[in-house]
Amino acid sequence: MTQIADKINESGLTQQELIKYFREKCVFCGHHRIMHDELGKCEGVMNKPCNSGCDKFNPE
């Protein structure tokens, strides 16, 4: 966990900026960004799969 904290500290981002980023919702599924994995695939909410198709979306 300290590696992640170090990366955050070195990035210069404030805690408020990080919270704001993760509170934003996906425009396709409506779930918060924190529900998406590092590749952008939605992992669902409350252990339920996402049926919106946002994880199949390929940006142009």
Protein backbone atom coordinates (compact mmCIF):
# COMPACT_ATOMS: atom_id res chain seq x y z
CA MET A 1 0.00 0.00 0.00
CA THR A 2 2.91 2.35 0.57
CA GLN A 3 3.89 2.11 -3.11
CA ILE A 4 0.46 3.43 -4.07
CA ALA A 5 0.61 6.16 -1.45
CA ASP A 6 4.07 7.13 -2.69
CA LYS A 7 2.82 7.38 -6.28
CA ILE A 8 -0.09 9.54 -5.15
CA ASN A 9 2.19 11.79 -3.10
CA GLU A 10 4.67 12.11 -5.97
CA SER A 11 1.88 12.93 -8.45
CA GLY A 12 1.09 16.22 -6.73
CA LEU A 13 -2.63 15.43 -6.74
CA THR A 14 -4.59 16.48 -3.70
CA GLN A 15 -6.91 14.15 -1.84
CA GLN A 16 -9.85 16.28 -3.00
CA GLU A 17 -8.80 15.84 -6.64
CA LEU A 18 -8.59 12.08 -6.24
CA ILE A 19 -11.98 11.89 -4.53
CA LYS A 20 -13.53 14.05 -7.24
CA TYR A 21 -12.07 11.81 -9.95
CA PHE A 22 -13.37 8.58 -8.43
CA ARG A 23 -16.78 10.07 -7.67
CA GLU A 24 -17.29 10.81 -11.36
CA LYS A 25 -19.55 8.31 -13.01
CA CYS A 26 -19.03 6.37 -16.21
CA VAL A 27 -21.06 7.97 -18.99
CA PHE A 28 -22.06 4.51 -20.24
CA CYS A 29 -22.98 2.53 -17.13
CA GLY A 30 -23.41 5.22 -14.48
CA HIS A 31 -21.19 3.41 -11.99
CA HIS A 32 -18.44 5.31 -10.22
CA ARG A 33 -14.94 5.03 -11.70
CA ILE A 34 -13.82 3.05 -8.65
CA MET A 35 -16.02 0.19 -9.88
CA HIS A 36 -13.87 -0.11 -13.03
CA ASP A 37 -10.63 -2.05 -13.25
CA GLU A 38 -7.34 -0.65 -14.52
CA LEU A 39 -8.37 -1.43 -18.12
CA GLY A 40 -11.67 0.44 -17.81
CA LYS A 41 -13.85 -2.67 -17.63
CA CYS A 42 -16.75 -2.28 -15.23
CA GLU A 43 -16.64 -4.82 -12.43
CA GLY A 44 -20.20 -4.04 -11.35
CA VAL A 45 -21.52 -2.82 -8.05
CA MET A 46 -22.28 -4.88 -4.95
CA ASN A 47 -20.84 -7.99 -6.65
CA LYS A 48 -23.36 -7.76 -9.49
CA PRO A 49 -22.17 -7.74 -13.09
CA CYS A 50 -22.66 -4.61 -15.16
CA ASN A 51 -25.17 -5.11 -17.96
CA SER A 52 -24.76 -1.69 -19.57
CA GLY A 53 -22.13 -2.78 -22.04
CA CYS A 54 -19.66 -0.07 -21.06
CA ASP A 55 -16.92 -2.67 -20.77
CA LYS A 56 -17.48 -3.57 -24.44
CA PHE A 57 -17.26 0.06 -25.60
CA ASN A 58 -14.29 0.78 -27.84
CA PRO A 59 -13.49 4.48 -28.19
CA GLU A 60 -12.61 5.58 -31.73
